[in-house]
Amino acid sequence: MDMVQFLSKLGHEPAEIKGKNYWYLSPLRDEKAPSFKVNTKMNRWYDWGEGKGGNLVDFGTLYYRCSVAEFLKKLDGSLLSINHRKKMEQTINSNEEERNQIKILTVRPITSFPLLNYL
């Protein structure tokens, strides 16, 4: 599961994006300058203020202050709603692509004299 999407679902948006690194105000504590980084290529996080990092499960257990098993139960419900949202977005995007496509309606011989001279 994508960390950036998961954080967004929790209401945390990046304060700054630098390439593949998304910087946030830490969702684990109060702060005024972003020190919580998510690397989208590796899908891992690191909180420079806490000196901790890891994967989504590591984050979830700290965020919810629960065991791995408890977090995985919470995550299972989140996956269903996020996957449903992704499918809806894909359907909308494919409908837009269909509308923006060029369709050939008829094929006729070229009769325009300037166009024939050009060709």
N, C-alpha and C. Protein backbone atom coordinates (compact mmCIF):
# COMPACT_ATOMS: atom_id res chain seq x y z
N MET A 1 0.85 -1.18 0.00
CA MET A 1 0.00 0.00 0.00
C MET A 1 0.89 1.24 0.00
N ASP A 2 0.51 2.23 -0.74
CA ASP A 2 1.28 3.46 -0.90
C ASP A 2 1.20 4.32 0.36
N MET A 3 2.37 4.69 0.91
CA MET A 3 2.43 5.50 2.13
C MET A 3 1.80 6.88 1.93
N VAL A 4 2.04 7.49 0.78
CA VAL A 4 1.51 8.83 0.53
C VAL A 4 -0.02 8.79 0.51
N GLN A 5 -0.60 7.78 -0.13
CA GLN A 5 -2.06 7.64 -0.15
C GLN A 5 -2.60 7.38 1.25
N PHE A 6 -1.90 6.53 1.99
CA PHE A 6 -2.34 6.21 3.34
C PHE A 6 -2.33 7.45 4.22
N LEU A 7 -1.25 8.24 4.16
CA LEU A 7 -1.18 9.47 4.94
C LEU A 7 -2.27 10.46 4.53
N SER A 8 -2.53 10.54 3.24
CA SER A 8 -3.59 11.42 2.74
C SER A 8 -4.94 11.00 3.30
N LYS A 9 -5.18 9.70 3.35
CA LYS A 9 -6.44 9.18 3.90
C LYS A 9 -6.58 9.55 5.37
N LEU A 10 -5.44 9.66 6.07
CA LEU A 10 -5.46 10.05 7.47
C LEU A 10 -5.57 11.58 7.64
N GLY A 11 -5.50 12.32 6.52
CA GLY A 11 -5.62 13.77 6.57
C GLY A 11 -4.29 14.50 6.59
N HIS A 12 -3.20 13.82 6.28
CA HIS A 12 -1.87 14.43 6.27
C HIS A 12 -1.42 14.62 4.82
N GLU A 13 -1.17 15.87 4.45
CA GLU A 13 -0.72 16.20 3.11
C GLU A 13 0.72 16.70 3.17
N PRO A 14 1.51 16.46 2.12
CA PRO A 14 2.91 16.89 2.16
C PRO A 14 3.04 18.41 2.20
N ALA A 15 3.99 18.87 3.00
CA ALA A 15 4.30 20.29 3.05
C ALA A 15 5.22 20.67 1.90
N GLU A 16 5.99 19.68 1.43
CA GLU A 16 6.95 19.93 0.36
C GLU A 16 7.23 18.62 -0.37
N ILE A 17 7.44 18.72 -1.68
CA ILE A 17 7.78 17.55 -2.47
C ILE A 17 9.08 17.86 -3.20
N LYS A 18 10.07 17.01 -2.98
CA LYS A 18 11.37 17.16 -3.65
C LYS A 18 11.67 15.85 -4.36
N GLY A 19 11.34 15.78 -5.63
CA GLY A 19 11.56 14.55 -6.39
C GLY A 19 10.72 13.42 -5.83
N LYS A 20 11.38 12.36 -5.40
CA LYS A 20 10.66 11.20 -4.86
C LYS A 20 10.46 11.29 -3.35
N ASN A 21 10.89 12.39 -2.73
CA ASN A 21 10.76 12.57 -1.29
C ASN A 21 9.63 13.54 -0.97
N TYR A 22 8.69 13.08 -0.18
CA TYR A 22 7.56 13.89 0.28
C TYR A 22 7.81 14.22 1.74
N TRP A 23 7.81 15.51 2.06
CA TRP A 23 8.08 15.98 3.42
C TRP A 23 6.80 16.43 4.09
N TYR A 24 6.58 15.96 5.31
CA TYR A 24 5.37 16.24 6.08
C TYR A 24 5.74 16.82 7.44
N LEU A 25 4.77 17.54 8.02
CA LEU A 25 4.83 17.77 9.45
C LEU A 25 4.55 16.41 10.07
N SER A 26 5.33 16.02 11.04
CA SER A 26 5.23 14.66 11.56
C SER A 26 3.83 14.34 12.08
N PRO A 27 3.23 13.24 11.58
CA PRO A 27 1.94 12.82 12.11
C PRO A 27 2.08 12.13 13.47
N LEU A 28 3.32 11.90 13.90
CA LEU A 28 3.56 11.20 15.17
C LEU A 28 3.75 12.16 16.35
N ARG A 29 3.94 13.44 16.07
CA ARG A 29 4.17 14.43 17.13
C ARG A 29 3.91 15.82 16.58
N ASP A 30 3.88 16.80 17.46
CA ASP A 30 3.68 18.19 17.05
C ASP A 30 5.01 18.81 16.63
N GLU A 31 5.00 19.54 15.53
CA GLU A 31 6.19 20.25 15.08
C GLU A 31 5.79 21.37 14.13
N LYS A 32 6.72 22.29 13.91
CA LYS A 32 6.45 23.44 13.04
C LYS A 32 7.16 23.36 11.71
N ALA A 33 8.21 22.56 11.61
CA ALA A 33 8.95 22.40 10.35
C ALA A 33 8.89 20.94 9.93
N PRO A 34 8.64 20.66 8.65
CA PRO A 34 8.52 19.27 8.21
C PRO A 34 9.83 18.49 8.38
N SER A 35 9.73 17.37 9.11
CA SER A 35 10.90 16.52 9.29
C SER A 35 10.55 15.04 9.09
N PHE A 36 9.36 14.80 8.61
CA PHE A 36 8.88 13.43 8.36
C PHE A 36 8.92 13.22 6.86
N LYS A 37 9.77 12.31 6.41
CA LYS A 37 9.99 12.11 4.97
C LYS A 37 9.46 10.75 4.54
N VAL A 38 8.78 10.74 3.38
CA VAL A 38 8.37 9.49 2.74
C VAL A 38 9.08 9.44 1.39
N ASN A 39 9.82 8.37 1.17
CA ASN A 39 10.47 8.13 -0.11
C ASN A 39 9.53 7.26 -0.94
N THR A 40 8.97 7.82 -2.01
CA THR A 40 7.96 7.09 -2.78
C THR A 40 8.55 5.95 -3.59
N LYS A 41 9.82 6.02 -3.93
CA LYS A 41 10.44 4.93 -4.68
C LYS A 41 10.56 3.68 -3.81
N MET A 42 10.96 3.87 -2.56
CA MET A 42 11.12 2.74 -1.65
C MET A 42 9.86 2.49 -0.81
N ASN A 43 8.91 3.44 -0.82
CA ASN A 43 7.69 3.39 -0.02
C ASN A 43 8.04 3.20 1.46
N ARG A 44 9.00 4.00 1.92
CA ARG A 44 9.43 3.95 3.32
C ARG A 44 9.45 5.37 3.87
N TRP A 45 9.33 5.47 5.19
CA TRP A 45 9.30 6.77 5.86
C TRP A 45 10.45 6.86 6.86
N TYR A 46 10.79 8.12 7.19
CA TYR A 46 11.76 8.37 8.25
C TYR A 46 11.40 9.67 8.92
N ASP A 47 11.31 9.65 10.25
CA ASP A 47 11.02 10.84 11.03
C ASP A 47 12.34 11.30 11.66
N TRP A 48 12.90 12.37 11.12
CA TRP A 48 14.20 12.86 11.58
C TRP A 48 14.13 13.34 13.02
N GLY A 49 13.01 13.85 13.46
CA GLY A 49 12.88 14.32 14.85
C GLY A 49 12.83 13.18 15.84
N GLU A 50 12.26 12.06 15.45
CA GLU A 50 12.17 10.88 16.31
C GLU A 50 13.36 9.95 16.13
N GLY A 51 13.99 10.01 14.96
CA GLY A 51 15.08 9.09 14.66
C GLY A 51 14.57 7.69 14.37
N LYS A 52 13.34 7.61 13.88
CA LYS A 52 12.73 6.31 13.56
C LYS A 52 12.22 6.33 12.13
N GLY A 53 12.10 5.13 11.57
CA GLY A 53 11.57 5.01 10.22
C GLY A 53 11.19 3.58 9.94
N GLY A 54 10.74 3.33 8.72
CA GLY A 54 10.38 1.96 8.36
C GLY A 54 9.34 1.92 7.27
N ASN A 55 8.55 0.85 7.31
CA ASN A 55 7.52 0.65 6.30
C ASN A 55 6.15 1.06 6.86
N LEU A 56 5.11 0.76 6.12
CA LEU A 56 3.76 1.15 6.51
C LEU A 56 3.34 0.52 7.84
N VAL A 57 3.69 -0.74 8.05
CA VAL A 57 3.31 -1.42 9.29
C VAL A 57 4.02 -0.78 10.48
N ASP A 58 5.30 -0.46 10.32
CA ASP A 58 6.04 0.22 11.39
C ASP A 58 5.37 1.55 11.74
N PHE A 59 4.98 2.30 10.70
CA PHE A 59 4.31 3.57 10.93
C PHE A 59 2.96 3.37 11.63
N GLY A 60 2.18 2.42 11.12
CA GLY A 60 0.84 2.20 11.67
C GLY A 60 0.84 1.81 13.13
N THR A 61 1.79 0.98 13.53
CA THR A 61 1.84 0.57 14.94
C THR A 61 2.20 1.74 15.84
N LEU A 62 3.06 2.65 15.36
CA LEU A 62 3.38 3.85 16.15
C LEU A 62 2.22 4.84 16.16
N TYR A 63 1.62 5.05 14.99
CA TYR A 63 0.55 6.04 14.85
C TYR A 63 -0.67 5.67 15.70
N TYR A 64 -1.08 4.41 15.61
CA TYR A 64 -2.26 3.95 16.35
C TYR A 64 -1.92 3.41 17.74
N ARG A 65 -0.63 3.30 18.03
CA ARG A 65 -0.16 2.73 19.31
C ARG A 65 -0.82 1.38 19.56
N CYS A 66 -0.58 0.47 18.62
CA CYS A 66 -1.20 -0.85 18.68
C CYS A 66 -0.21 -1.91 18.22
N SER A 67 -0.62 -3.16 18.31
CA SER A 67 0.22 -4.26 17.85
C SER A 67 0.14 -4.38 16.32
N VAL A 68 1.03 -5.18 15.77
CA VAL A 68 1.03 -5.41 14.33
C VAL A 68 -0.30 -6.04 13.91
N ALA A 69 -0.76 -7.03 14.67
CA ALA A 69 -2.03 -7.71 14.33
C ALA A 69 -3.20 -6.73 14.34
N GLU A 70 -3.25 -5.85 15.34
CA GLU A 70 -4.34 -4.87 15.42
C GLU A 70 -4.28 -3.91 14.23
N PHE A 71 -3.07 -3.48 13.89
CA PHE A 71 -2.94 -2.56 12.76
C PHE A 71 -3.35 -3.23 11.46
N LEU A 72 -2.95 -4.49 11.28
CA LEU A 72 -3.31 -5.18 10.04
C LEU A 72 -4.82 -5.31 9.90
N LYS A 73 -5.54 -5.45 11.00
CA LYS A 73 -7.01 -5.48 10.94
C LYS A 73 -7.53 -4.12 10.49
N LYS A 74 -6.97 -3.04 11.05
CA LYS A 74 -7.38 -1.69 10.63
C LYS A 74 -7.05 -1.47 9.16
N LEU A 75 -5.87 -1.93 8.76
CA LEU A 75 -5.40 -1.75 7.39
C LEU A 75 -6.27 -2.48 6.40
N ASP A 76 -6.76 -3.65 6.76
CA ASP A 76 -7.62 -4.44 5.87
C ASP A 76 -8.84 -3.64 5.45
N GLY A 77 -9.48 -2.94 6.39
CA GLY A 77 -10.62 -2.09 6.06
C GLY A 77 -10.23 -0.92 5.19
N SER A 78 -9.04 -0.35 5.45
CA SER A 78 -8.56 0.77 4.65
C SER A 78 -8.28 0.36 3.23
N LEU A 79 -7.72 -0.83 3.05
CA LEU A 79 -7.40 -1.31 1.71
C LEU A 79 -8.65 -1.41 0.85
N LEU A 80 -9.73 -1.88 1.45
CA LEU A 80 -10.96 -2.02 0.67
C LEU A 80 -11.44 -0.68 0.17
N SER A 81 -11.44 0.34 1.02
CA SER A 81 -11.94 1.65 0.59
C SER A 81 -10.98 2.32 -0.38
N ILE A 82 -9.66 2.16 -0.19
CA ILE A 82 -8.69 2.78 -1.10
C ILE A 82 -8.75 2.10 -2.46
N ASN A 83 -8.84 0.76 -2.49
CA ASN A 83 -8.92 0.05 -3.77
C ASN A 83 -10.19 0.44 -4.51
N HIS A 84 -11.30 0.62 -3.81
CA HIS A 84 -12.54 1.05 -4.45
C HIS A 84 -12.36 2.43 -5.06
N ARG A 85 -11.70 3.35 -4.34
CA ARG A 85 -11.48 4.70 -4.84
C ARG A 85 -10.58 4.65 -6.08
N LYS A 86 -9.53 3.80 -6.07
CA LYS A 86 -8.64 3.69 -7.23
C LYS A 86 -9.41 3.21 -8.45
N LYS A 87 -10.29 2.22 -8.26
CA LYS A 87 -11.07 1.70 -9.39
C LYS A 87 -11.98 2.78 -9.96
N MET A 88 -12.58 3.59 -9.09
CA MET A 88 -13.44 4.68 -9.55
C MET A 88 -12.62 5.69 -10.35
N GLU A 89 -11.41 6.05 -9.85
CA GLU A 89 -10.56 7.00 -10.56
C GLU A 89 -10.14 6.45 -11.91
N GLN A 90 -9.83 5.15 -11.98
CA GLN A 90 -9.43 4.55 -13.25
C GLN A 90 -10.58 4.59 -14.24
N THR A 91 -11.82 4.34 -13.79
CA THR A 91 -12.98 4.39 -14.66
C THR A 91 -13.18 5.79 -15.19
N ILE A 92 -13.06 6.79 -14.33
CA ILE A 92 -13.22 8.19 -14.75
C ILE A 92 -12.14 8.55 -15.76
N ASN A 93 -10.88 8.17 -15.48
CA ASN A 93 -9.78 8.48 -16.39
C ASN A 93 -9.96 7.81 -17.74
N SER A 94 -10.43 6.56 -17.77
CA SER A 94 -10.61 5.88 -19.05
C SER A 94 -11.75 6.52 -19.84
N ASN A 95 -12.81 6.99 -19.15
CA ASN A 95 -13.90 7.69 -19.84
C ASN A 95 -13.40 8.99 -20.46
N GLU A 96 -12.54 9.72 -19.74
CA GLU A 96 -11.98 10.97 -20.28
C GLU A 96 -11.10 10.68 -21.48
N GLU A 97 -10.30 9.61 -21.42
CA GLU A 97 -9.44 9.27 -22.54
C GLU A 97 -10.26 8.93 -23.78
N GLU A 98 -11.37 8.22 -23.59
CA GLU A 98 -12.23 7.89 -24.72
C GLU A 98 -12.79 9.15 -25.37
N ARG A 99 -13.17 10.14 -24.56
CA ARG A 99 -13.72 11.37 -25.10
C ARG A 99 -12.67 12.18 -25.83
N ASN A 100 -11.41 12.09 -25.42
CA ASN A 100 -10.34 12.88 -26.02
C ASN A 100 -9.68 12.21 -27.21
N GLN A 101 -10.13 11.02 -27.60
CA GLN A 101 -9.53 10.32 -28.72
C GLN A 101 -10.04 10.89 -30.05
N ILE A 102 -9.17 10.82 -31.06
CA ILE A 102 -9.56 11.21 -32.41
C ILE A 102 -10.13 9.97 -33.09
N LYS A 103 -11.32 10.10 -33.64
CA LYS A 103 -11.96 8.97 -34.30
C LYS A 103 -12.10 9.26 -35.79
N ILE A 104 -11.77 8.29 -36.61
CA ILE A 104 -11.92 8.41 -38.06
C ILE A 104 -13.35 7.99 -38.40
N LEU A 105 -14.11 8.94 -38.93
CA LEU A 105 -15.51 8.67 -39.23
C LEU A 105 -15.71 8.22 -40.67
N THR A 106 -14.95 8.82 -41.61
CA THR A 106 -15.06 8.42 -43.02
C THR A 106 -13.69 8.51 -43.68
N VAL A 107 -13.52 7.76 -44.76
CA VAL A 107 -12.30 7.81 -45.56
C VAL A 107 -12.71 8.16 -46.99
N ARG A 108 -12.10 9.27 -47.53
CA ARG A 108 -12.42 9.71 -48.89
C ARG A 108 -11.14 10.05 -49.62
N PRO A 109 -11.17 10.05 -50.92
CA PRO A 109 -9.96 10.45 -51.67
C PRO A 109 -9.70 11.95 -51.49
N ILE A 110 -8.43 12.32 -51.59
CA ILE A 110 -8.05 13.72 -51.46
C ILE A 110 -8.42 14.44 -52.75
N THR A 111 -9.19 15.54 -52.63
CA THR A 111 -9.62 16.30 -53.80
C THR A 111 -9.13 17.74 -53.76
N SER A 112 -8.55 18.15 -52.68
CA SER A 112 -8.08 19.52 -52.54
C SER A 112 -6.80 19.72 -53.38
N PHE A 113 -6.86 20.66 -54.38
CA PHE A 113 -5.72 20.90 -55.25
C PHE A 113 -4.49 21.37 -54.48
N PRO A 114 -4.58 22.35 -53.54
CA PRO A 114 -3.38 22.76 -52.79
C PRO A 114 -2.77 21.62 -51.97
N LEU A 115 -3.62 20.79 -51.40
CA LEU A 115 -3.11 19.67 -50.62
C LEU A 115 -2.44 18.64 -51.52
N LEU A 116 -3.02 18.39 -52.70
CA LEU A 116 -2.40 17.45 -53.64
C LEU A 116 -1.03 17.98 -54.11
N ASN A 117 -0.93 19.30 -54.39
CA ASN A 117 0.35 19.87 -54.78
C ASN A 117 1.38 19.75 -53.66
N TYR A 118 0.94 19.94 -52.44
CA TYR A 118 1.83 19.85 -51.28
C TYR A 118 2.37 18.43 -51.14
N LEU A 119 1.46 17.45 -51.28
CA LEU A 119 1.87 16.06 -51.13
C LEU A 119 2.74 15.64 -52.30
